[in-house]
Amino acid sequence: MTADATRLRPLPATGRVTIGRGETNHIVLQDPSISRRHVVLDIGPPLRVEDVGSSNGLRVSRSEDADGTARIVEYRVPPGESMDLALGDGVQLGATLLVVQRANASEDNPASSRVVRSYSVPVIHDSGMRKLYELVDRVAQSNINVLLLGETGVGKEVMAEAIHRRSPRARGPLVCLNCAAIHESLLESELFGHEAGAFTGAAKTKPGLFEVAAGGTVFLDEVGELPVSVQVKLLRVLEERKVMRVGAVQKRPIDVRFVSATNRDLEEEAASGVFRQDLYFRLNGVTIEIPPLRERVSEIEPMVRSFVARAAVQMNMRSEPRLSKAALEALLGHGWPGNIRELRNVIERAVVLSAGETIQPEHLGLGGRGTARKSNPELATIPPPRPSQPASGVVSSSIAPLRVPVGEDERQRILLALEACGGNQSKAAEMLGISRRTLLMRLDLYGITRPRKGR
């Protein structure tokens, strides 16, 4: 699922709020895995969620302290039963996660008001992605900064939300900023805030995103697009945990966790001076690289069926269109340079063009676009190098790209590739059909010592 499915819905001060797929509910969720009338949210006090006879029940997740350590605990609420909630608890209905939060304070939106925020739960079928989300579970428990890497459209914001929701900060806000979408002249004010009269048009004092996110998480998307002038100030904030509003004379302490994302190679840009190296080291507490869709092909079919069902609900279709075998084969064979975002757009268009009937290859509009996916990687292995093979490592056409499943077999293939290439990481990555960054992440994942240059 993609992060743009996140929605905010205001809640009344008192009363009962029905939630489900049916149009008569107070909150309508266009999720085909949700019952037409799934739950009732009793505003209370106390705040309580009640299953009103759904077909698959619901789950409640919350942060609990055990021996001084915060952990996310999940409770299943069977159909027809209820459970008390605290602000920040997660309520999962089908593929949607609901979280009741306090709304940001303003003149029109008092601090006592509350909202329910819905998130899409990511589709995880690939063994490599399951292992990646196990790492997310461990990383989420700390306050260490996280840098998410990956191509455009792989789901970096979805993973940032997962880190936040699985962390002890889950009851706090998740504040997102696309660093490339705001003009440089406004970016500093958005991040750090400003005092009244600090510049033309600053009629009121405005707290920045770092202050608004107090107790929660700040997600800086496209962090590689930050101008150098803002990079310097962001570095100071990361080091001091204090922020200076534009036009202010005194710094204010902040309590936030930073998660950043980029599709750039920040390590290379930091080494070349394009991006500040000291800021890169600060952001890069833990690096998580999300593989492109072409490297997790097993997730394409479940994603497609989810997107088809969601699109059918949004278009008020009586039934969702079927997916033909030929169309599925075309989807599996496509290279997906735009990753999940491209896949979702293709499916939404196909649902429209199919007019509710069977989706055929011509409805997809793929043609020859994108790089075709190579043969089934699960059937391919890396043969051991011959003793006569040169140390520089010659890429053989018989060596298949490294893909899933993640496991001992993959570890062995990495070791064989490094040996075949004389320890040259770049050539080993090329031989395995992955990026050098992905190879380095896998080396750390499997506890393989990184080969030294000139080996």
Protein backbone atom coordinates (compact mmCIF):
# COMPACT_ATOMS: atom_id res chain seq x y z
CA MET A 1 0.00 0.00 0.00
CA THR A 2 1.11 3.55 -0.44
CA ALA A 3 1.41 6.35 2.07
CA ASP A 4 -0.92 8.71 0.26
CA ALA A 5 -3.84 6.65 1.64
CA THR A 6 -3.34 8.41 5.00
CA ARG A 7 -6.39 10.43 6.04
CA LEU A 8 -7.43 12.58 9.01
CA ARG A 9 -11.05 12.61 10.23
CA PRO A 10 -12.22 14.92 13.07
CA LEU A 11 -14.16 13.32 15.91
CA PRO A 12 -16.97 14.84 17.98
CA ALA A 13 -16.42 15.71 21.64
CA THR A 14 -18.86 12.99 22.76
CA GLY A 15 -20.99 10.22 21.32
CA ARG A 16 -20.54 7.07 19.27
CA VAL A 17 -18.95 7.01 15.82
CA THR A 18 -19.59 4.14 13.42
CA ILE A 19 -16.77 3.07 11.10
CA GLY A 20 -16.98 0.77 8.10
CA ARG A 21 -17.23 0.45 4.35
CA GLY A 22 -20.93 1.31 4.10
CA GLU A 23 -21.97 4.82 3.08
CA THR A 24 -24.20 5.23 6.15
CA ASN A 25 -21.25 5.19 8.60
CA HIS A 26 -19.92 8.34 10.20
CA ILE A 27 -16.45 7.41 8.89
CA VAL A 28 -16.39 5.56 5.57
CA LEU A 29 -13.23 3.58 4.77
CA GLN A 30 -12.80 2.43 1.19
CA ASP A 31 -11.10 -0.81 2.13
CA PRO A 32 -12.65 -3.99 0.67
CA SER A 33 -11.29 -6.04 3.59
CA ILE A 34 -13.47 -4.07 6.04
CA SER A 35 -17.11 -4.99 6.81
CA ARG A 36 -19.87 -2.60 5.80
CA ARG A 37 -20.36 -1.73 9.49
CA HIS A 38 -17.21 -2.85 11.26
CA VAL A 39 -16.74 -1.03 14.58
CA VAL A 40 -18.20 1.66 16.81
CA LEU A 41 -15.85 4.14 18.45
CA ASP A 42 -17.28 5.34 21.78
CA ILE A 43 -15.69 8.73 22.49
CA GLY A 44 -16.36 8.26 26.21
CA PRO A 45 -14.74 8.78 28.56
CA PRO A 46 -13.39 6.20 28.54
CA LEU A 47 -12.45 5.94 24.86
CA ARG A 48 -13.56 2.50 23.68
CA VAL A 49 -13.74 0.52 20.44
CA GLU A 50 -16.47 -2.07 19.92
CA ASP A 51 -16.68 -4.67 17.18
CA VAL A 52 -20.28 -4.72 15.95
CA GLY A 53 -20.24 -8.04 14.18
CA SER A 54 -17.52 -7.71 11.57
CA SER A 55 -16.51 -10.75 9.55
CA ASN A 56 -12.84 -10.73 10.59
CA GLY A 57 -12.65 -8.83 13.91
CA LEU A 58 -9.98 -6.25 14.76
CA ARG A 59 -6.61 -5.93 16.49
CA VAL A 60 -5.44 -3.28 18.95
CA SER A 61 -1.72 -2.50 19.32
CA ARG A 62 -0.22 -0.32 22.05
CA SER A 63 3.09 0.58 23.61
CA GLU A 64 3.59 -1.01 27.05
CA ASP A 65 6.50 -0.85 29.48
CA ALA A 66 8.06 -4.10 30.61
CA ASP A 67 11.07 -3.90 32.93
CA GLY A 68 11.60 -0.30 31.88
CA THR A 69 11.61 -1.15 28.16
CA ALA A 70 8.83 -0.02 25.81
CA ARG A 71 7.39 -2.72 23.55
CA ILE A 72 4.48 -2.81 21.10
CA VAL A 73 1.88 -5.36 22.27
CA GLU A 74 -1.02 -6.52 20.08
CA TYR A 75 -4.45 -7.67 21.30
CA ARG A 76 -7.09 -9.37 19.16
CA VAL A 77 -10.69 -8.26 19.73
CA PRO A 78 -13.12 -10.95 18.49
CA PRO A 79 -16.34 -10.02 16.64
CA GLY A 80 -18.97 -8.63 19.01
CA GLU A 81 -16.55 -7.64 21.79
CA SER A 82 -15.00 -4.32 22.85
CA MET A 83 -11.85 -2.86 24.42
CA ASP A 84 -10.77 0.41 26.08
CA LEU A 85 -8.36 2.59 24.08
CA ALA A 86 -5.76 5.19 24.93
CA LEU A 87 -4.74 7.99 22.57
CA GLY A 88 -2.11 6.65 20.22
CA ASP A 89 -3.26 3.01 20.28
CA GLY A 90 -3.51 1.41 16.86
CA VAL A 91 -6.76 -0.23 15.74
CA GLN A 92 -6.32 -2.45 12.68
CA LEU A 93 -9.37 -3.23 10.56
CA GLY A 94 -8.53 -5.33 7.53
CA ALA A 95 -5.74 -3.51 5.67
CA THR A 96 -6.37 -0.19 7.45
CA LEU A 97 -4.82 1.03 10.68
CA LEU A 98 -6.72 3.65 12.71
CA VAL A 99 -5.09 5.82 15.37
CA VAL A 100 -6.95 8.30 17.59
CA GLN A 101 -4.82 11.38 18.25
CA ARG A 102 -5.18 14.86 19.63
CA ALA A 103 -5.46 17.41 16.85
CA ASN A 104 -2.88 20.21 16.56
CA ALA A 105 -3.94 23.21 18.60
CA SER A 106 -5.17 26.30 16.78
CA GLU A 107 -7.88 28.92 17.13
CA ASP A 108 -10.27 26.82 15.05
CA ASN A 109 -9.06 23.49 16.38
CA PRO A 110 -8.63 23.47 20.18
CA ALA A 111 -6.06 21.22 21.80
CA SER A 112 -8.80 19.14 23.41
CA SER A 113 -10.22 18.07 20.04
CA ARG A 114 -9.37 14.66 18.64
CA VAL A 115 -9.04 13.09 15.23
CA VAL A 116 -8.84 9.57 13.91
CA ARG A 117 -6.01 8.98 11.47
CA SER A 118 -6.08 6.02 9.11
CA TYR A 119 -3.02 4.36 7.60
CA SER A 120 -2.73 1.68 4.95
CA VAL A 121 -1.04 -1.46 6.23
CA PRO A 122 1.76 -2.47 3.82
CA VAL A 123 1.53 -5.67 1.81
CA ILE A 124 4.42 -7.91 2.92
CA HIS A 125 4.77 -11.26 1.13
CA ASP A 126 8.40 -11.21 0.05
CA SER A 127 10.78 -13.00 2.44
CA GLY A 128 13.36 -10.24 2.06
CA MET A 129 10.79 -7.58 2.99
CA ARG A 130 9.68 -9.63 6.00
CA LYS A 131 13.29 -9.66 7.17
CA LEU A 132 13.50 -5.91 6.54
CA TYR A 133 10.40 -5.29 8.68
CA GLU A 134 11.92 -7.43 11.44
CA LEU A 135 14.82 -4.96 11.36
CA VAL A 136 12.28 -2.11 11.47
CA ASP A 137 10.78 -3.63 14.63
CA ARG A 138 14.20 -3.58 16.33
CA VAL A 139 15.19 -0.12 15.10
CA ALA A 140 11.82 1.40 16.01
CA GLN A 141 12.35 0.75 19.73
CA SER A 142 15.27 3.20 19.91
CA ASN A 143 15.58 6.93 19.22
CA ILE A 144 18.38 6.49 16.70
CA ASN A 145 18.02 8.46 13.45
CA VAL A 146 17.03 6.35 10.45
CA LEU A 147 17.90 6.97 6.78
CA LEU A 148 15.64 5.22 4.24
CA LEU A 149 17.09 4.65 0.79
CA GLY A 150 15.42 3.41 -2.34
CA GLU A 151 14.15 4.30 -5.77
CA THR A 152 11.20 6.60 -6.29
CA GLY A 153 7.91 4.88 -5.49
CA VAL A 154 9.23 1.94 -3.42
CA GLY A 155 7.28 2.95 -0.29
CA LYS A 156 9.73 4.95 1.82
CA GLU A 157 6.95 6.97 3.49
CA VAL A 158 5.04 3.77 4.28
CA MET A 159 8.14 2.43 6.03
CA ALA A 160 8.62 5.72 7.89
CA GLU A 161 5.05 5.38 9.18
CA ALA A 162 5.79 1.78 10.20
CA ILE A 163 8.84 2.90 12.19
CA HIS A 164 6.77 5.55 13.95
CA ARG A 165 3.78 3.29 14.66
CA ARG A 166 6.02 0.53 16.09
CA SER A 167 8.03 2.89 18.29
CA PRO A 168 7.41 4.14 21.85
CA ARG A 169 6.62 7.50 20.17
CA ALA A 170 3.55 6.06 18.43
CA ARG A 171 1.21 8.14 20.60
CA GLY A 172 2.92 11.32 19.42
CA PRO A 173 2.50 12.93 15.99
CA LEU A 174 4.19 11.87 12.77
CA VAL A 175 5.03 15.06 10.88
CA CYS A 176 6.08 14.64 7.22
CA LEU A 177 7.80 17.16 4.97
CA ASN A 178 8.81 16.76 1.35
CA CYS A 179 12.00 18.80 1.23
CA ALA A 180 11.81 19.09 -2.57
CA ALA A 181 8.25 20.43 -2.62
CA ILE A 182 8.85 23.68 -0.72
CA HIS A 183 10.77 26.68 -2.05
CA GLU A 184 14.08 27.35 -0.33
CA SER A 185 12.86 30.73 0.93
CA LEU A 186 10.00 29.03 2.85
CA LEU A 187 11.74 25.83 3.89
CA GLU A 188 13.56 27.33 6.87
CA SER A 189 10.33 28.80 8.26
CA GLU A 190 8.52 25.46 7.80
CA LEU A 191 11.20 23.50 9.64
CA PHE A 192 12.21 25.92 12.38
CA GLY A 193 9.18 28.22 12.66
CA HIS A 194 9.20 32.03 12.86
CA GLU A 195 8.30 34.88 15.14
CA ALA A 196 5.69 37.50 14.25
CA GLY A 197 7.24 40.20 12.08
CA ALA A 198 10.33 38.10 11.23
CA PHE A 199 9.76 38.79 7.53
CA THR A 200 7.13 40.23 5.21
CA GLY A 201 3.90 38.29 5.64
CA ALA A 202 4.81 36.82 9.04
CA ALA A 203 1.79 38.29 10.82
CA LYS A 204 1.67 35.60 13.51
CA THR A 205 4.17 33.51 15.44
CA LYS A 206 4.34 30.06 13.91
CA PRO A 207 6.01 27.00 15.47
CA GLY A 208 8.05 24.92 13.02
CA LEU A 209 7.58 21.25 12.24
CA PHE A 210 10.21 20.25 14.79
CA GLU A 211 8.17 21.85 17.56
CA VAL A 212 4.83 20.57 16.25
CA ALA A 213 6.22 17.02 16.29
CA ALA A 214 7.08 17.15 20.02
CA GLY A 215 7.08 13.63 21.45
CA GLY A 216 6.76 12.11 17.97
CA THR A 217 8.65 11.64 14.73
CA VAL A 218 9.75 13.98 11.95
CA PHE A 219 9.96 12.42 8.49
CA LEU A 220 12.12 14.38 6.04
CA ASP A 221 11.36 13.01 2.58
CA GLU A 222 13.76 13.83 -0.28
CA VAL A 223 16.30 15.02 2.29
CA GLY A 224 18.96 15.01 -0.43
CA GLU A 225 17.25 18.05 -1.97
CA LEU A 226 17.92 20.28 1.06
CA PRO A 227 19.87 23.45 0.11
CA VAL A 228 23.28 23.80 1.77
CA SER A 229 22.13 26.77 3.88
CA VAL A 230 19.39 24.64 5.47
CA GLN A 231 21.72 21.64 5.82
CA VAL A 232 23.95 23.66 8.14
CA LYS A 233 21.05 24.64 10.41
CA LEU A 234 19.58 21.14 10.40
CA LEU A 235 22.94 19.75 11.52
CA ARG A 236 22.94 22.16 14.45
CA VAL A 237 19.43 21.05 15.44
CA LEU A 238 20.46 17.39 15.32
CA GLU A 239 23.49 18.05 17.51
CA GLU A 240 21.91 20.39 20.07
CA ARG A 241 18.30 19.15 20.02
CA LYS A 242 17.29 22.79 20.06
CA VAL A 243 15.68 24.96 17.39
CA MET A 244 15.92 28.68 16.69
CA ARG A 245 12.83 30.18 15.09
CA VAL A 246 13.39 32.69 12.30
CA GLY A 247 13.54 36.12 13.97
CA ALA A 248 13.94 34.66 17.50
CA VAL A 249 16.78 35.35 19.92
CA GLN A 250 16.44 32.25 22.08
CA LYS A 251 16.57 28.55 21.19
CA ARG A 252 13.81 26.13 22.13
CA PRO A 253 14.40 22.48 23.10
CA ILE A 254 12.76 19.81 20.95
CA ASP A 255 11.93 16.17 21.58
CA VAL A 256 11.65 14.39 18.23
CA ARG A 257 12.99 11.37 16.39
CA PHE A 258 14.28 11.91 12.84
CA VAL A 259 13.59 9.60 9.92
CA SER A 260 14.86 10.75 6.52
CA ALA A 261 14.52 9.36 3.01
CA THR A 262 16.10 9.91 -0.39
CA ASN A 263 16.52 8.20 -3.74
CA ARG A 264 19.99 9.70 -4.09
CA ASP A 265 23.29 8.04 -3.18
CA LEU A 266 24.01 10.30 -0.19
CA GLU A 267 27.19 8.40 0.69
CA GLU A 268 28.65 9.22 -2.71
CA GLU A 269 27.35 12.81 -2.64
CA ALA A 270 28.79 13.33 0.85
CA ALA A 271 32.15 11.99 -0.29
CA SER A 272 32.13 14.33 -3.31
CA GLY A 273 31.02 17.36 -1.26
CA VAL A 274 27.58 17.74 -2.86
CA PHE A 275 25.91 16.92 0.47
CA ARG A 276 27.40 17.83 3.85
CA GLN A 277 29.30 14.81 5.14
CA ASP A 278 28.77 15.66 8.81
CA LEU A 279 25.01 15.92 8.25
CA TYR A 280 25.02 12.61 6.39
CA PHE A 281 26.69 10.92 9.36
CA ARG A 282 24.10 12.42 11.72
CA LEU A 283 21.13 11.31 9.63
CA ASN A 284 22.64 7.91 8.97
CA GLY A 285 22.28 6.33 12.41
CA VAL A 286 20.79 3.24 10.77
CA THR A 287 20.37 2.86 7.01
CA ILE A 288 17.50 0.80 5.62
CA GLU A 289 17.44 0.30 1.88
CA ILE A 290 14.08 -0.69 0.42
CA PRO A 291 14.51 -2.92 -2.63
CA PRO A 292 12.72 -1.98 -5.85
CA LEU A 293 9.57 -3.84 -6.84
CA ARG A 294 11.43 -5.84 -9.51
CA GLU A 295 13.46 -7.45 -6.71
CA ARG A 296 10.35 -8.55 -4.77
CA VAL A 297 8.23 -9.97 -7.53
CA SER A 298 6.28 -12.20 -5.15
CA GLU A 299 4.51 -9.06 -3.84
CA ILE A 300 3.22 -7.93 -7.22
CA GLU A 301 0.17 -10.22 -7.39
CA PRO A 302 -1.14 -9.51 -3.84
CA MET A 303 -0.57 -5.78 -4.39
CA VAL A 304 -2.40 -5.91 -7.70
CA ARG A 305 -5.42 -7.66 -6.19
CA SER A 306 -5.48 -5.16 -3.33
CA PHE A 307 -5.30 -2.20 -5.74
CA VAL A 308 -8.03 -3.72 -7.94
CA ALA A 309 -10.34 -4.19 -4.94
CA ARG A 310 -9.67 -0.67 -3.64
CA ALA A 311 -10.22 0.93 -7.06
CA ALA A 312 -13.49 -0.97 -7.50
CA VAL A 313 -14.75 0.34 -4.15
CA GLN A 314 -13.72 3.92 -4.99
CA MET A 315 -15.56 3.70 -8.33
CA ASN A 316 -18.70 2.21 -6.72
CA MET A 317 -18.55 -0.90 -8.88
CA ARG A 318 -20.94 -3.71 -8.02
CA SER A 319 -18.10 -6.21 -8.27
CA GLU A 320 -14.39 -5.92 -8.86
CA PRO A 321 -13.01 -6.94 -12.27
CA ARG A 322 -11.19 -10.24 -12.63
CA LEU A 323 -7.51 -10.32 -13.53
CA SER A 324 -6.75 -12.49 -16.54
CA LYS A 325 -3.80 -14.85 -16.54
CA ALA A 326 -2.26 -13.01 -19.49
CA ALA A 327 -2.56 -9.66 -17.68
CA LEU A 328 -0.93 -11.10 -14.56
CA GLU A 329 1.94 -12.48 -16.65
CA ALA A 330 2.41 -9.07 -18.24
CA LEU A 331 2.51 -7.43 -14.81
CA LEU A 332 5.03 -9.97 -13.50
CA GLY A 333 7.23 -9.48 -16.56
CA HIS A 334 7.32 -5.68 -16.40
CA GLY A 335 10.41 -3.93 -14.99
CA TRP A 336 8.46 -1.33 -12.91
CA PRO A 337 10.88 1.61 -13.03
CA GLY A 338 8.25 3.59 -11.10
CA ASN A 339 7.84 0.79 -8.56
CA ILE A 340 4.67 0.58 -6.40
CA ARG A 341 3.45 4.03 -7.41
CA GLU A 342 3.57 3.04 -11.09
CA LEU A 343 1.88 -0.30 -10.34
CA ARG A 344 -0.98 1.41 -8.52
CA ASN A 345 -1.53 3.90 -11.37
CA VAL A 346 -1.48 1.13 -13.96
CA ILE A 347 -4.07 -0.90 -12.02
CA GLU A 348 -6.38 2.07 -11.43
CA ARG A 349 -6.33 2.81 -15.17
CA ALA A 350 -6.91 -0.85 -16.01
CA VAL A 351 -9.95 -1.02 -13.72
CA VAL A 352 -11.44 1.99 -15.53
CA LEU A 353 -10.70 0.66 -19.02
CA SER A 354 -11.98 -2.84 -18.22
CA ALA A 355 -15.40 -1.37 -17.32
CA GLY A 356 -15.76 -3.88 -14.50
CA GLU A 357 -15.11 -6.89 -16.72
CA THR A 358 -11.93 -8.97 -16.95
CA ILE A 359 -8.66 -7.01 -16.99
CA GLN A 360 -6.72 -7.93 -20.14
CA PRO A 361 -3.13 -6.99 -21.12
CA GLU A 362 -4.41 -4.21 -23.41
CA HIS A 363 -6.03 -2.50 -20.41
CA LEU A 364 -2.66 -2.20 -18.68
CA GLY A 365 -1.06 0.06 -21.28
CA LEU A 366 2.41 -1.33 -20.54
CA GLY A 367 3.55 -1.93 -24.10
CA GLY A 368 7.32 -2.07 -24.16
CA ARG A 369 7.84 0.43 -21.35
CA GLY A 370 10.25 -0.42 -18.59
CA THR A 371 13.00 -2.97 -18.34
CA ALA A 372 11.74 -6.51 -18.59
CA ARG A 373 12.29 -8.59 -15.50
CA LYS A 374 14.83 -11.35 -15.88
CA SER A 375 14.05 -15.05 -15.57
CA ASN A 376 12.74 -16.50 -12.34
CA PRO A 377 15.52 -15.74 -9.81
CA GLU A 378 14.40 -18.42 -7.40
CA LEU A 379 15.52 -21.06 -9.90
CA ALA A 380 18.93 -19.51 -10.52
CA THR A 381 22.12 -19.86 -8.52
CA ILE A 382 25.65 -18.49 -8.76
CA PRO A 383 28.03 -21.26 -9.78
CA PRO A 384 31.34 -21.48 -7.88
CA PRO A 385 34.13 -19.60 -9.73
CA ARG A 386 36.68 -21.69 -11.54
CA PRO A 387 40.25 -21.53 -10.17
CA SER A 388 41.44 -20.05 -13.45
CA GLN A 389 39.02 -17.10 -13.18
CA PRO A 390 40.90 -13.78 -12.93
CA ALA A 391 40.76 -11.90 -9.63
CA SER A 392 39.19 -8.86 -11.27
CA GLY A 393 36.03 -10.87 -11.81
CA VAL A 394 34.41 -11.14 -15.24
CA VAL A 395 30.64 -10.93 -15.23
CA SER A 396 29.31 -14.11 -16.79
CA SER A 397 25.99 -14.20 -18.60
CA SER A 398 25.29 -17.50 -16.83
CA ILE A 399 25.23 -15.77 -13.43
CA ALA A 400 21.69 -14.79 -12.53
CA PRO A 401 20.86 -11.61 -10.60
CA LEU A 402 20.69 -11.89 -6.82
CA ARG A 403 17.10 -11.79 -5.64
CA VAL A 404 15.07 -13.39 -2.87
CA PRO A 405 14.70 -15.56 -0.91
CA VAL A 406 16.92 -14.15 1.81
CA GLY A 407 18.68 -16.92 3.68
CA GLU A 408 21.78 -19.06 3.88
CA ASP A 409 21.64 -19.74 0.12
CA GLU A 410 21.79 -16.02 -0.59
CA ARG A 411 24.65 -15.56 1.88
CA GLN A 412 26.62 -18.23 0.07
CA ARG A 413 25.96 -16.60 -3.29
CA ILE A 414 27.27 -13.28 -1.97
CA LEU A 415 30.43 -14.95 -0.66
CA LEU A 416 30.97 -16.69 -4.00
CA ALA A 417 30.50 -13.44 -5.91
CA LEU A 418 32.98 -11.60 -3.67
CA GLU A 419 35.49 -14.39 -4.14
CA ALA A 420 34.98 -14.38 -7.89
CA CYS A 421 35.58 -10.62 -7.98
CA GLY A 422 38.60 -10.65 -5.72
CA GLY A 423 36.71 -8.76 -3.00
CA ASN A 424 35.73 -5.88 -5.30
CA GLN A 425 32.35 -4.83 -3.89
CA SER A 426 31.22 -2.83 -6.93
CA LYS A 427 31.93 -5.68 -9.36
CA ALA A 428 30.38 -8.23 -7.01
CA ALA A 429 27.23 -6.12 -6.82
CA GLU A 430 27.15 -5.87 -10.62
CA MET A 431 27.57 -9.64 -10.88
CA LEU A 432 24.71 -10.19 -8.45
CA GLY A 433 22.43 -7.71 -10.23
CA ILE A 434 22.00 -5.38 -7.25
CA SER A 435 23.31 -1.96 -6.27
CA ARG A 436 26.47 -1.57 -4.21
CA ARG A 437 24.41 -0.06 -1.38
CA THR A 438 22.17 -3.14 -1.33
CA LEU A 439 25.24 -5.39 -1.24
CA LEU A 440 26.71 -3.47 1.72
CA MET A 441 23.40 -3.74 3.57
CA ARG A 442 23.31 -7.51 2.94
CA LEU A 443 26.92 -7.84 4.16
CA ASP A 444 25.93 -6.21 7.44
CA LEU A 445 22.72 -8.25 7.61
CA TYR A 446 24.62 -11.56 7.32
CA GLY A 447 27.59 -10.50 9.46
CA ILE A 448 30.02 -10.71 6.52
CA THR A 449 33.16 -8.62 7.01
CA ARG A 450 33.46 -6.03 4.29
CA PRO A 451 36.47 -6.80 2.06
CA ARG A 452 39.24 -4.26 2.15
CA LYS A 453 40.22 -2.42 -1.00
CA GLY A 454 43.11 -3.89 -2.89
CA ARG A 455 42.50 -7.37 -1.55
